[in-house]
N, C-alpha and C. Protein backbone atom coordinates (compact mmCIF):
# COMPACT_ATOMS: atom_id res chain seq x y z
N VAL A 1 1.75 0.94 68.21
CA VAL A 1 2.25 2.04 68.99
C VAL A 1 3.07 2.97 68.13
N ASP A 2 3.95 2.41 67.29
CA ASP A 2 4.80 3.25 66.45
C ASP A 2 3.99 4.08 65.47
N SER A 3 2.93 3.51 64.93
CA SER A 3 2.14 4.21 63.93
C SER A 3 1.16 5.20 64.54
N GLY A 4 0.91 5.08 65.82
CA GLY A 4 -0.05 5.96 66.47
C GLY A 4 -1.48 5.53 66.24
N SER A 5 -1.70 4.44 65.51
CA SER A 5 -3.06 3.98 65.27
C SER A 5 -3.52 3.10 66.44
N GLU A 6 -4.79 2.93 66.54
CA GLU A 6 -5.37 2.14 67.61
C GLU A 6 -6.26 1.07 67.02
N THR A 7 -6.10 -0.17 67.49
CA THR A 7 -6.95 -1.27 67.06
C THR A 7 -7.78 -1.72 68.25
N ARG A 8 -9.06 -1.88 68.04
CA ARG A 8 -9.94 -2.31 69.13
C ARG A 8 -10.53 -3.68 68.79
N LEU A 9 -10.58 -4.50 69.80
CA LEU A 9 -11.21 -5.81 69.69
C LEU A 9 -12.22 -5.87 70.82
N GLU A 10 -13.48 -6.00 70.47
CA GLU A 10 -14.52 -6.05 71.48
C GLU A 10 -14.51 -7.43 72.12
N LEU A 11 -14.11 -7.46 73.38
CA LEU A 11 -14.05 -8.71 74.13
C LEU A 11 -14.96 -8.62 75.33
N ASP A 12 -15.27 -9.75 75.87
CA ASP A 12 -16.12 -9.82 77.05
C ASP A 12 -15.26 -9.62 78.30
N LEU A 13 -14.74 -8.39 78.48
CA LEU A 13 -13.81 -8.13 79.57
C LEU A 13 -14.40 -7.34 80.72
N TYR A 14 -15.71 -7.41 80.89
CA TYR A 14 -16.30 -6.75 82.05
C TYR A 14 -15.84 -7.50 83.30
N ASN A 15 -15.77 -6.79 84.39
CA ASN A 15 -15.37 -7.38 85.66
C ASN A 15 -13.99 -8.03 85.61
N VAL A 16 -13.04 -7.36 85.00
CA VAL A 16 -11.68 -7.89 84.96
C VAL A 16 -11.14 -7.95 86.38
N GLY A 17 -10.61 -9.13 86.78
CA GLY A 17 -10.10 -9.31 88.13
C GLY A 17 -8.78 -8.59 88.35
N THR A 18 -7.83 -8.77 87.47
CA THR A 18 -6.54 -8.09 87.50
C THR A 18 -6.16 -7.79 86.07
N LEU A 19 -5.04 -7.16 85.88
CA LEU A 19 -4.62 -6.79 84.54
C LEU A 19 -4.48 -7.99 83.62
N GLY A 20 -3.90 -9.06 84.08
CA GLY A 20 -3.69 -10.24 83.24
C GLY A 20 -2.22 -10.48 83.01
N SER A 21 -1.91 -11.25 81.96
CA SER A 21 -0.53 -11.66 81.74
C SER A 21 -0.25 -11.86 80.26
N PHE A 22 0.93 -11.44 79.82
CA PHE A 22 1.42 -11.73 78.48
C PHE A 22 2.19 -13.04 78.50
N SER A 23 2.13 -13.79 77.41
CA SER A 23 2.97 -14.98 77.25
C SER A 23 4.42 -14.52 77.11
N PRO A 24 5.39 -15.40 77.35
CA PRO A 24 6.80 -15.00 77.27
C PRO A 24 7.21 -14.41 75.92
N ASP A 25 6.58 -14.88 74.83
CA ASP A 25 6.91 -14.35 73.51
C ASP A 25 6.02 -13.16 73.12
N SER A 26 5.18 -12.72 74.04
CA SER A 26 4.27 -11.58 73.86
C SER A 26 3.22 -11.77 72.78
N SER A 27 3.00 -13.01 72.35
CA SER A 27 2.00 -13.25 71.30
C SER A 27 0.59 -13.40 71.85
N LEU A 28 0.45 -13.75 73.14
CA LEU A 28 -0.86 -13.97 73.76
C LEU A 28 -1.01 -13.09 74.99
N PHE A 29 -2.26 -12.77 75.31
CA PHE A 29 -2.59 -12.07 76.54
C PHE A 29 -3.76 -12.79 77.18
N ALA A 30 -3.67 -13.08 78.47
CA ALA A 30 -4.75 -13.75 79.20
C ALA A 30 -5.32 -12.78 80.23
N ALA A 31 -6.62 -12.54 80.16
CA ALA A 31 -7.31 -11.62 81.07
C ALA A 31 -8.24 -12.41 81.97
N PRO A 32 -7.96 -12.45 83.30
CA PRO A 32 -8.86 -13.14 84.23
C PRO A 32 -10.08 -12.28 84.52
N LEU A 33 -11.23 -12.91 84.52
CA LEU A 33 -12.49 -12.20 84.75
C LEU A 33 -13.14 -12.66 86.04
N MET A 34 -13.61 -11.73 86.82
CA MET A 34 -14.27 -12.07 88.08
C MET A 34 -15.57 -12.83 87.84
N SER A 35 -16.06 -12.82 86.62
CA SER A 35 -17.27 -13.57 86.27
C SER A 35 -17.00 -15.06 86.14
N GLY A 36 -15.73 -15.48 86.29
CA GLY A 36 -15.40 -16.90 86.24
C GLY A 36 -14.90 -17.36 84.88
N LEU A 37 -14.41 -16.45 84.06
CA LEU A 37 -13.87 -16.77 82.74
C LEU A 37 -12.46 -16.22 82.63
N VAL A 38 -11.69 -16.78 81.70
CA VAL A 38 -10.40 -16.23 81.33
C VAL A 38 -10.42 -16.05 79.82
N GLN A 39 -10.25 -14.81 79.38
CA GLN A 39 -10.25 -14.49 77.95
C GLN A 39 -8.80 -14.50 77.48
N VAL A 40 -8.48 -15.33 76.48
CA VAL A 40 -7.14 -15.38 75.90
C VAL A 40 -7.22 -14.78 74.51
N VAL A 41 -6.35 -13.80 74.23
CA VAL A 41 -6.35 -13.14 72.93
C VAL A 41 -4.97 -13.23 72.29
N ASN A 42 -4.97 -13.32 70.98
CA ASN A 42 -3.75 -13.22 70.20
C ASN A 42 -3.47 -11.73 70.04
N VAL A 43 -2.22 -11.33 70.19
CA VAL A 43 -1.87 -9.91 70.15
C VAL A 43 -1.72 -9.38 68.73
N ASP A 44 -1.09 -10.13 67.83
CA ASP A 44 -0.86 -9.64 66.48
C ASP A 44 -1.03 -10.78 65.48
N PRO A 45 -2.10 -10.84 64.72
CA PRO A 45 -3.18 -9.87 64.68
C PRO A 45 -4.09 -10.02 65.90
N LEU A 46 -4.68 -8.93 66.31
CA LEU A 46 -5.53 -8.91 67.49
C LEU A 46 -6.81 -9.69 67.23
N ARG A 47 -6.97 -10.81 67.98
CA ARG A 47 -8.17 -11.63 67.83
C ARG A 47 -8.33 -12.51 69.07
N SER A 48 -9.56 -12.87 69.36
CA SER A 48 -9.84 -13.77 70.47
C SER A 48 -9.37 -15.18 70.10
N VAL A 49 -8.70 -15.84 71.03
CA VAL A 49 -8.24 -17.21 70.82
C VAL A 49 -9.19 -18.20 71.48
N THR A 50 -9.48 -17.97 72.76
CA THR A 50 -10.38 -18.86 73.48
C THR A 50 -10.86 -18.19 74.76
N THR A 51 -11.91 -18.73 75.30
CA THR A 51 -12.40 -18.32 76.62
C THR A 51 -12.41 -19.56 77.49
N LEU A 52 -11.63 -19.54 78.56
CA LEU A 52 -11.58 -20.66 79.49
C LEU A 52 -12.70 -20.49 80.50
N SER A 53 -13.42 -21.58 80.78
CA SER A 53 -14.56 -21.50 81.68
C SER A 53 -14.62 -22.75 82.54
N GLY A 54 -15.70 -22.87 83.30
CA GLY A 54 -15.89 -24.04 84.14
C GLY A 54 -15.38 -23.86 85.55
N PHE A 55 -15.17 -22.63 85.98
CA PHE A 55 -14.72 -22.35 87.34
C PHE A 55 -15.93 -22.14 88.24
N LEU A 56 -15.78 -22.49 89.50
CA LEU A 56 -16.87 -22.28 90.46
C LEU A 56 -16.94 -20.83 90.91
N LEU A 57 -15.79 -20.18 91.01
CA LEU A 57 -15.71 -18.82 91.53
C LEU A 57 -15.07 -17.90 90.49
N GLY A 58 -14.92 -16.64 90.82
CA GLY A 58 -14.27 -15.69 89.93
C GLY A 58 -12.80 -16.00 89.75
N ILE A 59 -12.22 -15.47 88.71
CA ILE A 59 -10.80 -15.67 88.42
C ILE A 59 -10.08 -14.37 88.74
N HIS A 60 -8.98 -14.48 89.48
CA HIS A 60 -8.29 -13.30 89.97
C HIS A 60 -6.84 -13.21 89.51
N ALA A 61 -6.35 -14.20 88.76
CA ALA A 61 -4.96 -14.17 88.32
C ALA A 61 -4.79 -15.00 87.07
N ALA A 62 -3.80 -14.64 86.29
CA ALA A 62 -3.38 -15.43 85.13
C ALA A 62 -1.89 -15.23 84.97
N ALA A 63 -1.17 -16.33 84.74
CA ALA A 63 0.28 -16.25 84.56
C ALA A 63 0.73 -17.35 83.62
N PHE A 64 1.53 -16.99 82.63
CA PHE A 64 2.11 -17.97 81.72
C PHE A 64 3.42 -18.49 82.30
N SER A 65 3.69 -19.77 82.05
CA SER A 65 4.98 -20.35 82.47
C SER A 65 6.08 -19.76 81.60
N PRO A 66 7.33 -19.80 82.07
CA PRO A 66 8.43 -19.22 81.30
C PRO A 66 8.60 -19.81 79.90
N ASP A 67 8.24 -21.09 79.71
CA ASP A 67 8.35 -21.69 78.38
C ASP A 67 7.11 -21.45 77.53
N GLY A 68 6.08 -20.83 78.11
CA GLY A 68 4.86 -20.51 77.37
C GLY A 68 3.93 -21.68 77.13
N ARG A 69 4.24 -22.84 77.70
CA ARG A 69 3.43 -24.03 77.45
C ARG A 69 2.26 -24.18 78.41
N ARG A 70 2.29 -23.47 79.55
CA ARG A 70 1.24 -23.57 80.55
C ARG A 70 0.72 -22.18 80.90
N LEU A 71 -0.56 -22.15 81.27
CA LEU A 71 -1.19 -20.95 81.78
C LEU A 71 -1.79 -21.31 83.13
N ALA A 72 -1.42 -20.56 84.16
CA ALA A 72 -1.98 -20.77 85.49
C ALA A 72 -3.05 -19.72 85.73
N THR A 73 -4.20 -20.15 86.26
CA THR A 73 -5.27 -19.22 86.59
C THR A 73 -5.60 -19.38 88.07
N GLY A 74 -5.83 -18.27 88.74
CA GLY A 74 -6.09 -18.28 90.18
C GLY A 74 -7.53 -17.98 90.51
N SER A 75 -8.10 -18.79 91.40
CA SER A 75 -9.48 -18.61 91.84
C SER A 75 -9.51 -18.66 93.36
N GLY A 76 -10.00 -19.76 93.95
CA GLY A 76 -10.04 -19.89 95.40
C GLY A 76 -10.35 -21.30 95.84
N GLY A 77 -9.91 -21.66 97.06
CA GLY A 77 -10.24 -22.94 97.68
C GLY A 77 -9.87 -24.15 96.85
N ASP A 78 -10.89 -24.95 96.49
CA ASP A 78 -10.66 -26.17 95.72
C ASP A 78 -10.09 -25.90 94.34
N GLU A 79 -10.24 -24.68 93.87
CA GLU A 79 -9.70 -24.28 92.57
C GLU A 79 -8.70 -23.14 92.75
N ALA A 80 -7.84 -23.28 93.75
CA ALA A 80 -6.88 -22.21 94.05
C ALA A 80 -6.11 -21.82 92.78
N MET A 81 -5.50 -22.79 92.14
CA MET A 81 -4.79 -22.55 90.89
C MET A 81 -5.10 -23.68 89.92
N THR A 82 -5.35 -23.34 88.68
CA THR A 82 -5.57 -24.34 87.64
C THR A 82 -4.51 -24.11 86.56
N LEU A 83 -3.88 -25.20 86.15
CA LEU A 83 -2.89 -25.12 85.07
C LEU A 83 -3.51 -25.65 83.79
N TRP A 84 -3.30 -24.90 82.71
CA TRP A 84 -3.85 -25.22 81.39
C TRP A 84 -2.72 -25.45 80.41
N ASP A 85 -2.92 -26.36 79.48
CA ASP A 85 -2.00 -26.55 78.36
C ASP A 85 -2.32 -25.48 77.32
N VAL A 86 -1.34 -24.66 76.96
CA VAL A 86 -1.59 -23.56 76.04
C VAL A 86 -1.83 -24.04 74.61
N GLY A 87 -1.30 -25.20 74.24
CA GLY A 87 -1.55 -25.72 72.89
C GLY A 87 -2.98 -26.17 72.67
N SER A 88 -3.56 -26.83 73.67
CA SER A 88 -4.91 -27.38 73.52
C SER A 88 -5.95 -26.66 74.38
N TYR A 89 -5.50 -25.86 75.33
CA TYR A 89 -6.36 -25.19 76.32
C TYR A 89 -7.19 -26.20 77.12
N GLU A 90 -6.59 -27.36 77.37
CA GLU A 90 -7.18 -28.37 78.25
C GLU A 90 -6.59 -28.19 79.64
N ARG A 91 -7.40 -28.50 80.67
CA ARG A 91 -6.90 -28.46 82.05
C ARG A 91 -5.83 -29.53 82.23
N VAL A 92 -4.73 -29.15 82.87
CA VAL A 92 -3.67 -30.10 83.19
C VAL A 92 -3.85 -30.59 84.62
N VAL A 93 -4.03 -29.66 85.54
CA VAL A 93 -4.21 -30.01 86.95
C VAL A 93 -4.86 -28.82 87.66
N THR A 94 -5.64 -29.13 88.69
CA THR A 94 -6.21 -28.10 89.55
C THR A 94 -5.62 -28.30 90.94
N LEU A 95 -5.02 -27.24 91.47
CA LEU A 95 -4.36 -27.28 92.77
C LEU A 95 -5.27 -26.69 93.83
N ARG A 96 -5.40 -27.38 94.95
CA ARG A 96 -6.24 -26.92 96.06
C ARG A 96 -5.37 -26.23 97.10
N ALA A 97 -5.98 -25.31 97.81
CA ALA A 97 -5.30 -24.66 98.93
C ALA A 97 -6.34 -23.92 99.77
N ALA A 98 -6.03 -23.74 101.03
CA ALA A 98 -6.91 -22.96 101.90
C ALA A 98 -6.77 -21.49 101.51
N GLY A 99 -7.88 -20.82 101.40
CA GLY A 99 -7.83 -19.40 101.08
C GLY A 99 -8.72 -19.05 99.91
N SER A 100 -8.82 -17.76 99.67
CA SER A 100 -9.62 -17.27 98.55
C SER A 100 -8.89 -16.13 97.87
N LEU A 101 -9.41 -15.71 96.75
CA LEU A 101 -8.82 -14.62 95.97
C LEU A 101 -7.35 -14.86 95.66
N PHE A 102 -7.04 -15.97 95.03
CA PHE A 102 -5.66 -16.26 94.63
C PHE A 102 -5.31 -15.33 93.47
N ARG A 103 -4.37 -14.44 93.73
CA ARG A 103 -4.04 -13.37 92.80
C ARG A 103 -2.53 -13.23 92.68
N GLN A 104 -2.11 -12.40 91.77
CA GLN A 104 -0.69 -12.14 91.54
C GLN A 104 0.12 -13.41 91.42
N ALA A 105 -0.32 -14.30 90.57
CA ALA A 105 0.38 -15.56 90.35
C ALA A 105 1.62 -15.34 89.50
N ALA A 106 2.65 -16.14 89.76
CA ALA A 106 3.88 -16.06 88.99
C ALA A 106 4.63 -17.38 89.06
N PHE A 107 5.31 -17.70 87.98
CA PHE A 107 6.19 -18.86 87.94
C PHE A 107 7.61 -18.43 88.24
N SER A 108 8.39 -19.35 88.82
CA SER A 108 9.82 -19.10 88.97
C SER A 108 10.44 -19.11 87.58
N PRO A 109 11.63 -18.51 87.41
CA PRO A 109 12.26 -18.48 86.08
C PRO A 109 12.46 -19.85 85.44
N ASP A 110 12.68 -20.91 86.26
CA ASP A 110 12.85 -22.25 85.69
C ASP A 110 11.52 -22.96 85.47
N GLY A 111 10.41 -22.35 85.91
CA GLY A 111 9.08 -22.93 85.70
C GLY A 111 8.71 -24.04 86.66
N HIS A 112 9.56 -24.34 87.65
CA HIS A 112 9.29 -25.44 88.57
C HIS A 112 8.53 -25.04 89.82
N VAL A 113 8.38 -23.73 90.05
CA VAL A 113 7.63 -23.27 91.23
C VAL A 113 6.59 -22.26 90.77
N LEU A 114 5.37 -22.45 91.27
CA LEU A 114 4.28 -21.52 91.01
C LEU A 114 3.92 -20.88 92.34
N GLY A 115 3.81 -19.57 92.35
CA GLY A 115 3.45 -18.86 93.56
C GLY A 115 2.23 -17.99 93.33
N ALA A 116 1.48 -17.75 94.40
CA ALA A 116 0.32 -16.85 94.32
C ALA A 116 0.02 -16.32 95.72
N LEU A 117 -0.51 -15.13 95.75
CA LEU A 117 -0.97 -14.54 97.01
C LEU A 117 -2.46 -14.81 97.15
N SER A 118 -2.90 -15.06 98.38
CA SER A 118 -4.33 -15.19 98.64
C SER A 118 -4.68 -14.27 99.80
N GLY A 119 -5.96 -14.09 100.01
CA GLY A 119 -6.42 -13.28 101.12
C GLY A 119 -6.48 -11.81 100.76
N SER A 120 -6.62 -10.99 101.77
CA SER A 120 -6.76 -9.56 101.55
C SER A 120 -5.40 -8.92 101.28
N ARG A 121 -5.42 -7.74 100.72
CA ARG A 121 -4.17 -7.02 100.46
C ARG A 121 -3.49 -6.60 101.76
N GLU A 122 -4.27 -6.45 102.82
CA GLU A 122 -3.72 -6.07 104.11
C GLU A 122 -3.08 -7.25 104.84
N SER A 123 -3.57 -8.45 104.56
CA SER A 123 -3.08 -9.65 105.24
C SER A 123 -2.95 -10.80 104.24
N PRO A 124 -2.01 -10.70 103.30
CA PRO A 124 -1.88 -11.74 102.28
C PRO A 124 -1.14 -12.98 102.78
N THR A 125 -1.40 -14.09 102.14
CA THR A 125 -0.69 -15.34 102.39
C THR A 125 -0.04 -15.77 101.09
N LEU A 126 1.25 -16.08 101.15
CA LEU A 126 1.97 -16.56 99.97
C LEU A 126 1.87 -18.08 99.92
N HIS A 127 1.44 -18.61 98.77
CA HIS A 127 1.37 -20.05 98.54
C HIS A 127 2.38 -20.40 97.46
N LEU A 128 3.09 -21.50 97.66
CA LEU A 128 4.06 -21.97 96.67
C LEU A 128 3.78 -23.44 96.38
N TRP A 129 3.77 -23.80 95.11
CA TRP A 129 3.64 -25.18 94.67
C TRP A 129 4.88 -25.51 93.85
N ARG A 130 5.48 -26.63 94.11
CA ARG A 130 6.66 -27.04 93.36
C ARG A 130 6.29 -28.18 92.43
N ALA A 131 6.65 -28.04 91.18
CA ALA A 131 6.41 -29.11 90.20
C ALA A 131 7.58 -30.10 90.28
N PRO A 132 7.29 -31.37 90.26
CA PRO A 132 8.37 -32.34 90.29
C PRO A 132 9.18 -32.30 88.99
N THR A 133 10.45 -32.64 89.10
CA THR A 133 11.30 -32.73 87.91
C THR A 133 10.95 -34.01 87.16
N SER A 134 11.43 -34.14 85.95
CA SER A 134 11.20 -35.37 85.15
C SER A 134 11.76 -36.58 85.87
N ALA A 135 12.93 -36.43 86.48
CA ALA A 135 13.55 -37.54 87.20
C ALA A 135 12.69 -37.97 88.39
N GLU A 136 12.11 -37.00 89.11
CA GLU A 136 11.24 -37.32 90.24
C GLU A 136 9.97 -38.03 89.77
N ILE A 137 9.43 -37.61 88.66
CA ILE A 137 8.23 -38.26 88.11
C ILE A 137 8.55 -39.69 87.71
N GLN A 138 9.66 -39.90 87.03
CA GLN A 138 10.06 -41.25 86.61
C GLN A 138 10.29 -42.15 87.81
N ALA A 139 10.95 -41.62 88.86
CA ALA A 139 11.19 -42.42 90.07
C ALA A 139 9.88 -42.79 90.73
N ALA A 140 8.92 -41.88 90.80
CA ALA A 140 7.62 -42.16 91.40
C ALA A 140 6.86 -43.21 90.58
N GLU A 141 6.96 -43.14 89.26
CA GLU A 141 6.29 -44.12 88.40
C GLU A 141 6.88 -45.51 88.59
N VAL A 142 8.20 -45.59 88.71
CA VAL A 142 8.86 -46.88 88.94
C VAL A 142 8.41 -47.44 90.29
N LEU A 143 8.39 -46.59 91.31
CA LEU A 143 7.96 -47.03 92.64
C LEU A 143 6.51 -47.49 92.63
N ALA A 144 5.65 -46.77 91.94
CA ALA A 144 4.23 -47.15 91.84
C ALA A 144 4.05 -48.47 91.11
N ALA A 145 4.86 -48.71 90.10
CA ALA A 145 4.76 -49.96 89.34
C ALA A 145 5.17 -51.16 90.17
N ARG A 146 6.03 -50.96 91.16
CA ARG A 146 6.51 -52.07 92.01
C ARG A 146 5.49 -52.46 93.07
N LYS A 147 4.60 -51.54 93.42
CA LYS A 147 3.62 -51.83 94.48
C LYS A 147 2.57 -52.80 93.95
N PRO A 148 2.22 -53.81 94.81
CA PRO A 148 1.21 -54.79 94.37
C PRO A 148 -0.17 -54.20 94.30
């Protein structure tokens, strides 16, 4: 921007669902595609990092967690939101919810709540998922280990 020059990277960004999302450190950009892909690019130097695939429906949202370790992608129904590990780009979990067109996804500042809108712009539904704390996970593991 400062130099006034323009760099172009030819990406498979046809049918972009929404604008996408920058990682917290601004090094990555994730573009959700209605064709059922998410294109992740490195910003500087500009290059493609990966293309996430394997969705049943189009992708309508992408949001990085505040710590930059997770990427949430929004689709619909059984694949309402999928969380990805940014280091390996492996699926961490797929969250189900009633509805379609899960868009405008965002994490809370502490990263423990993920929210997304579904449905039409005229009649949206807000969905919230809360991630358990480390203490809650440990307590659940201890309880599970005690069960016969």
